[in-house]
Amino acid sequence: MARCSLLLPLLLLCLAGCTREPLPGLLRVDGSSTVYPLLEALAENYQRRHRGEVRIALGVSGTGGGFSRFCRGELDLANASRRIVDTERAACMAAGIEFLELQLALDAITLVVHPETDWVDALDLSQLRRIWAVESERRVLQWNQVDPRFPERPLLLFGPGADSGTFDYFTRAVNGRARSSRSDYTASESDNVLVLGVAQAPGALGFFGLSYYRQNANQLRALAVRGEGAPQPVMPSPESIRDGSYPFVRPMYLYVNLARLRAEPTFGKFLMEALEQAPTAAASVGFVPLPDAGYAQAQAQLRVALAGADR
């Protein structure tokens, strides 16, 4: 029965993806693998409280893949680990897709190593650039090339693929430009694949959202990061995320197709309850809730959109 409950959303998403025309009562959601656990928790909570009212089909094609589908009119909601960019916004505009942007939680991109990689506890931005720069491809292959204090051990890299918002954010923060990165690393749109890769490879270094690290902390080790001009490295934690002292903090987003919101009243009900439940759900899956004012603002934005739908 549990296996069927997991397969049903995927089957619904496949059926919905066969046509641009939405199926009645089906809420089609796709996007970031980082945000997926939060959307999954919110969807399960809602469907448990309101059985049969709405079917929610969740996909994981990465932030870029989700926006691509969203701006073709194939989705009702796109979740994202970065804000929509100008080219995606233009694609939505060209297709006549109007949308509402909502923030759901805060996350921190977390650097993780295999537990046996015990020679490093922290990295600074200059070391990260040395590792991930385009010029380092097929050249920086050993840990001692990053810092001579590190041993001459193979440097095995794992990270999100090019459709990932985490990849966009991290490469911009480290290398100064989104998607500017060496390509000779093990890439995947699935954070679970990255977790498994780092956990099985001594000498490995990877990056993904804090929630996936916290779910797998028994088989990985997180590193502290020293930001530009910071006096000392900082570990990712709820406190360092809230106060901004950790350098790789970003919001998690949800984009709402306004035409579908106006056409399906139950979708508005789901979204309003999702925003009410988001602080608890975010904490339960390893994210950091927004300040109360952040959720109040999101609820106010949604109410304005719903008021427009009633006119």
Protein backbone atom coordinates (compact mmCIF):
# COMPACT_ATOMS: atom_id res chain seq x y z
CA MET A 1 0.00 0.00 0.00
CA ALA A 2 2.82 2.42 0.85
CA ARG A 3 4.48 1.71 -2.48
CA CYS A 4 1.21 2.45 -4.31
CA SER A 5 0.79 5.74 -2.45
CA LEU A 6 4.24 6.79 -3.66
CA LEU A 7 3.67 5.71 -7.26
CA LEU A 8 0.25 7.37 -7.65
CA PRO A 9 1.53 10.98 -7.71
CA LEU A 10 4.12 9.99 -10.33
CA LEU A 11 1.44 8.32 -12.45
CA LEU A 12 -0.78 11.37 -12.19
CA LEU A 13 2.11 13.61 -13.20
CA CYS A 14 2.82 11.43 -16.24
CA LEU A 15 -0.83 11.60 -17.29
CA ALA A 16 -0.92 15.36 -16.75
CA GLY A 17 2.30 15.77 -18.74
CA CYS A 18 0.79 14.16 -21.84
CA THR A 19 -1.22 17.31 -22.51
CA ARG A 20 -1.15 20.99 -21.69
CA GLU A 21 -4.83 20.79 -20.73
CA PRO A 22 -5.18 20.35 -16.95
CA LEU A 23 -7.15 17.45 -15.52
CA PRO A 24 -10.04 18.51 -13.23
CA GLY A 25 -9.07 18.48 -9.57
CA LEU A 26 -5.42 17.70 -10.28
CA LEU A 27 -2.75 20.06 -8.98
CA ARG A 28 0.42 19.63 -11.07
CA VAL A 29 3.66 20.55 -9.28
CA ASP A 30 7.27 20.19 -10.44
CA GLY A 31 10.66 21.78 -9.88
CA SER A 32 13.45 21.77 -7.34
CA SER A 33 14.60 18.56 -5.70
CA THR A 34 15.70 20.71 -2.75
CA VAL A 35 12.19 22.07 -2.17
CA TYR A 36 10.51 18.72 -2.91
CA PRO A 37 10.49 17.37 0.68
CA LEU A 38 8.69 20.51 1.89
CA LEU A 39 6.06 20.34 -0.87
CA GLU A 40 5.64 16.63 -0.23
CA ALA A 41 5.00 17.26 3.48
CA LEU A 42 2.52 20.06 2.75
CA ALA A 43 0.71 17.95 0.13
CA GLU A 44 0.47 14.92 2.40
CA ASN A 45 -0.82 17.03 5.30
CA TYR A 46 -3.50 18.64 3.13
CA GLN A 47 -4.65 15.42 1.49
CA ARG A 48 -4.85 13.73 4.88
CA ARG A 49 -7.13 16.52 6.18
CA HIS A 50 -9.20 16.82 3.00
CA ARG A 51 -9.39 13.37 1.47
CA GLY A 52 -10.53 13.31 -2.14
CA GLU A 53 -10.77 17.10 -2.49
CA VAL A 54 -7.73 17.55 -4.69
CA ARG A 55 -5.05 15.31 -6.19
CA ILE A 56 -1.51 16.64 -5.99
CA ALA A 57 1.07 15.24 -8.42
CA LEU A 58 4.67 16.10 -7.49
CA GLY A 59 7.61 15.88 -9.89
CA VAL A 60 11.33 16.56 -9.52
CA SER A 61 12.94 17.93 -12.69
CA GLY A 62 15.09 20.63 -11.06
CA THR A 63 14.37 24.34 -10.75
CA GLY A 64 15.21 25.06 -14.40
CA GLY A 65 13.22 22.07 -15.64
CA GLY A 66 10.26 23.10 -13.51
CA PHE A 67 10.30 26.66 -14.83
CA SER A 68 10.51 25.35 -18.40
CA ARG A 69 7.35 23.29 -17.90
CA PHE A 70 5.62 26.02 -15.89
CA CYS A 71 6.16 28.60 -18.64
CA ARG A 72 4.75 26.17 -21.23
CA GLY A 73 1.53 25.98 -19.22
CA GLU A 74 2.08 22.37 -18.15
CA LEU A 75 2.13 23.06 -14.40
CA ASP A 76 -0.04 24.75 -11.81
CA LEU A 77 2.82 25.29 -9.35
CA ALA A 78 6.59 25.39 -9.77
CA ASN A 79 8.81 25.12 -6.72
CA ALA A 80 12.27 26.63 -6.99
CA SER A 81 15.49 27.00 -5.02
CA ARG A 82 16.22 30.33 -6.73
CA ARG A 83 14.20 33.24 -8.09
CA ILE A 84 12.93 33.11 -11.67
CA VAL A 85 15.42 34.68 -14.12
CA ASP A 86 14.70 37.13 -16.97
CA THR A 87 14.72 34.54 -19.76
CA GLU A 88 12.23 32.35 -17.88
CA ARG A 89 10.07 35.35 -17.04
CA ALA A 90 10.05 36.29 -20.74
CA ALA A 91 9.05 32.73 -21.71
CA CYS A 92 6.13 32.86 -19.29
CA MET A 93 5.10 36.26 -20.63
CA ALA A 94 5.27 35.04 -24.23
CA ALA A 95 3.02 32.10 -23.34
CA GLY A 96 0.56 34.32 -21.45
CA ILE A 97 1.39 32.73 -18.09
CA GLU A 98 0.82 35.16 -15.22
CA PHE A 99 2.18 34.04 -11.89
CA LEU A 100 2.47 34.82 -8.20
CA GLU A 101 5.80 34.37 -6.39
CA LEU A 102 5.66 33.14 -2.78
CA GLN A 103 8.48 32.37 -0.33
CA LEU A 104 8.15 29.20 1.74
CA ALA A 105 11.28 28.79 3.88
CA LEU A 106 15.03 29.40 4.14
CA ASP A 107 17.75 26.95 3.19
CA ALA A 108 21.54 26.87 3.23
CA ILE A 109 23.69 25.19 0.60
CA THR A 110 25.78 22.79 2.64
CA LEU A 111 29.25 21.46 1.82
CA VAL A 112 29.62 17.83 2.82
CA VAL A 113 32.46 15.33 2.86
CA HIS A 114 32.85 11.62 3.45
CA PRO A 115 33.40 10.98 7.19
CA GLU A 116 36.92 9.66 6.47
CA THR A 117 37.86 13.00 4.87
CA ASP A 118 39.08 14.12 8.29
CA TRP A 119 41.79 16.54 7.15
CA VAL A 120 39.36 19.38 6.45
CA ASP A 121 36.82 21.05 8.74
CA ALA A 122 36.30 24.31 6.85
CA LEU A 123 36.87 25.91 3.46
CA ASP A 124 37.00 29.56 2.47
CA LEU A 125 35.77 31.11 -0.76
CA SER A 126 39.22 31.21 -2.35
CA GLN A 127 39.62 27.47 -1.79
CA LEU A 128 36.14 26.82 -3.17
CA ARG A 129 36.99 28.85 -6.28
CA ARG A 130 40.16 26.81 -6.65
CA ILE A 131 38.06 23.65 -6.56
CA TRP A 132 35.12 24.69 -8.74
CA ALA A 133 36.59 27.18 -11.24
CA VAL A 134 36.28 26.41 -14.94
CA GLU A 135 40.09 26.56 -15.16
CA SER A 136 40.39 23.78 -12.58
CA GLU A 137 38.76 21.20 -14.83
CA ARG A 138 41.05 18.17 -15.22
CA ARG A 139 43.77 20.11 -13.38
CA VAL A 140 42.81 20.34 -9.68
CA LEU A 141 42.37 16.64 -8.96
CA GLN A 142 44.05 16.22 -5.56
CA TRP A 143 43.28 17.74 -2.15
CA ASN A 144 46.82 19.09 -1.78
CA GLN A 145 46.24 21.20 -4.92
CA VAL A 146 43.52 23.02 -2.99
CA ASP A 147 45.75 23.62 0.03
CA PRO A 148 49.27 22.26 0.56
CA ARG A 149 48.32 21.39 4.14
CA PHE A 150 45.89 18.80 2.80
CA PRO A 151 47.14 15.30 1.86
CA GLU A 152 47.81 14.09 -1.66
CA ARG A 153 44.48 12.30 -1.94
CA PRO A 154 42.03 12.20 -4.88
CA LEU A 155 39.46 15.00 -4.83
CA LEU A 156 36.12 13.46 -5.87
CA LEU A 157 33.42 16.02 -6.58
CA PHE A 158 29.63 15.67 -6.49
CA GLY A 159 27.06 18.37 -7.20
CA PRO A 160 23.72 19.24 -8.77
CA GLY A 161 23.24 19.27 -12.54
CA ALA A 162 22.72 22.28 -14.77
CA ASP A 163 18.91 22.34 -14.34
CA SER A 164 19.29 22.81 -10.58
CA GLY A 165 18.70 26.12 -8.86
CA THR A 166 21.26 25.02 -6.28
CA PHE A 167 23.86 24.78 -9.06
CA ASP A 168 22.94 28.26 -10.30
CA TYR A 169 23.13 29.80 -6.83
CA PHE A 170 26.35 28.08 -5.77
CA THR A 171 28.27 28.83 -8.96
CA ARG A 172 27.23 32.50 -8.80
CA ALA A 173 28.21 32.75 -5.11
CA VAL A 174 31.57 31.01 -5.58
CA ASN A 175 32.67 31.85 -9.12
CA GLY A 176 30.83 35.12 -9.64
CA ARG A 177 28.59 33.92 -12.46
CA ALA A 178 25.77 31.37 -12.54
CA ARG A 179 26.66 28.12 -14.35
CA SER A 180 30.36 29.05 -14.46
CA SER A 181 31.85 25.79 -13.19
CA ARG A 182 34.12 22.91 -14.05
CA SER A 183 32.14 20.05 -15.55
CA ASP A 184 34.30 17.06 -14.61
CA TYR A 185 32.29 16.11 -11.53
CA THR A 186 29.49 13.66 -10.80
CA ALA A 187 26.29 15.63 -11.43
CA SER A 188 22.71 14.69 -10.63
CA GLU A 189 19.36 16.47 -10.30
CA SER A 190 18.61 14.09 -7.41
CA ASP A 191 20.01 15.16 -4.05
CA ASN A 192 19.62 11.59 -2.82
CA VAL A 193 22.01 10.41 -5.54
CA LEU A 194 24.54 13.02 -4.40
CA VAL A 195 24.17 11.97 -0.77
CA LEU A 196 24.82 8.35 -1.71
CA GLY A 197 27.81 9.28 -3.88
CA VAL A 198 29.59 11.29 -1.18
CA ALA A 199 28.74 8.75 1.51
CA GLN A 200 30.42 5.95 -0.47
CA ALA A 201 33.57 7.77 -1.64
CA PRO A 202 36.40 8.62 0.79
CA GLY A 203 37.90 11.94 -0.28
CA ALA A 204 34.58 13.10 -1.72
CA LEU A 205 33.23 16.66 -1.50
CA GLY A 206 29.71 17.65 -2.51
CA PHE A 207 27.09 20.34 -2.03
CA PHE A 208 23.30 20.42 -1.73
CA GLY A 209 20.57 21.79 0.54
CA LEU A 210 20.82 21.65 4.32
CA SER A 211 17.68 19.52 4.65
CA TYR A 212 19.28 16.60 2.79
CA TYR A 213 22.39 16.83 4.96
CA ARG A 214 20.32 16.86 8.15
CA GLN A 215 18.43 13.78 6.98
CA ASN A 216 21.73 11.97 6.31
CA ALA A 217 24.03 13.39 9.00
CA ASN A 218 24.84 9.86 10.21
CA GLN A 219 26.76 9.13 6.98
CA LEU A 220 28.13 12.57 6.02
CA ARG A 221 30.05 15.42 7.65
CA ALA A 222 29.28 19.10 7.03
CA LEU A 223 32.00 21.72 6.62
CA ALA A 224 32.08 25.28 7.90
CA VAL A 225 32.53 28.06 5.33
CA ARG A 226 34.37 31.36 5.76
CA GLY A 227 32.74 34.05 3.67
CA GLU A 228 34.47 37.02 2.06
CA GLY A 229 35.94 39.18 4.83
CA ALA A 230 34.47 37.02 7.60
CA PRO A 231 36.66 36.62 10.71
CA GLN A 232 36.08 32.87 10.98
CA PRO A 233 34.31 29.95 9.30
CA VAL A 234 30.64 29.41 10.13
CA MET A 235 28.71 26.15 10.22
CA PRO A 236 25.22 26.01 8.64
CA SER A 237 22.62 26.01 11.41
CA PRO A 238 19.19 27.52 12.06
CA GLU A 239 20.89 30.37 13.96
CA SER A 240 23.50 31.18 11.29
CA ILE A 241 20.82 30.99 8.60
CA ARG A 242 18.49 33.38 10.43
CA ASP A 243 21.21 35.92 11.21
CA GLY A 244 22.84 35.64 7.78
CA SER A 245 26.32 34.81 9.09
CA TYR A 246 26.46 31.63 7.00
CA PRO A 247 27.38 32.74 3.46
CA PHE A 248 25.16 30.43 1.36
CA VAL A 249 21.60 31.20 2.55
CA ARG A 250 18.73 31.41 0.06
CA PRO A 251 14.90 31.44 0.14
CA MET A 252 12.79 28.58 -1.20
CA TYR A 253 10.10 29.71 -3.66
CA LEU A 254 6.72 28.63 -4.96
CA TYR A 255 5.34 30.03 -8.24
CA VAL A 256 1.58 29.93 -8.79
CA ASN A 257 -0.14 29.92 -12.19
CA LEU A 258 -2.77 32.62 -11.61
CA ALA A 259 -5.13 31.39 -14.33
CA ARG A 260 -5.31 27.98 -12.67
CA LEU A 261 -5.70 29.60 -9.25
CA ARG A 262 -8.74 31.48 -10.57
CA ALA A 263 -10.17 28.37 -12.27
CA GLU A 264 -9.84 25.94 -9.34
CA PRO A 265 -11.06 27.31 -5.96
CA THR A 266 -9.62 24.33 -4.06
CA PHE A 267 -6.11 25.33 -5.16
CA GLY A 268 -6.41 28.61 -3.29
CA LYS A 269 -7.58 26.74 -0.22
CA PHE A 270 -4.60 24.38 -0.49
CA LEU A 271 -2.13 27.28 -0.83
CA MET A 272 -3.55 29.21 2.11
CA GLU A 273 -3.38 26.14 4.34
CA ALA A 274 0.13 25.38 3.01
CA LEU A 275 1.32 28.83 4.11
CA GLU A 276 -0.24 28.30 7.53
CA GLN A 277 1.45 24.91 7.89
CA ALA A 278 4.76 25.92 6.29
CA PRO A 279 6.66 26.87 9.50
CA THR A 280 6.00 23.48 11.10
CA ALA A 281 6.49 21.53 7.88
CA ALA A 282 9.69 23.40 7.02
CA ALA A 283 11.26 22.62 10.39
CA SER A 284 10.17 18.97 10.17
CA VAL A 285 12.08 18.38 6.90
CA GLY A 286 15.22 20.34 7.79
CA PHE A 287 14.52 23.86 6.51
CA VAL A 288 14.45 27.05 8.56
CA PRO A 289 11.04 28.78 8.70
CA LEU A 290 10.72 32.36 7.52
CA PRO A 291 10.16 35.05 10.13
CA ASP A 292 6.46 35.42 10.97
CA ALA A 293 6.36 38.60 8.89
CA GLY A 294 7.46 36.62 5.84
CA TYR A 295 4.49 34.27 6.05
CA ALA A 296 2.12 37.15 6.78
CA GLN A 297 3.33 38.87 3.61
CA ALA A 298 2.90 35.69 1.53
CA GLN A 299 -0.63 35.20 2.86
CA ALA A 300 -1.48 38.82 2.06
CA GLN A 301 -0.19 38.37 -1.51
CA LEU A 302 -2.30 35.24 -1.90
CA ARG A 303 -5.42 36.95 -0.55
CA VAL A 304 -5.01 39.76 -3.11
CA ALA A 305 -4.69 37.17 -5.88
CA LEU A 306 -7.76 35.28 -4.63
CA ALA A 307 -9.75 38.53 -4.36
CA GLY A 308 -8.93 39.18 -8.01
CA ALA A 309 -10.20 35.72 -8.87
CA ASP A 310 -13.57 36.51 -7.24
CA ARG A 311 -14.21 39.64 -9.30
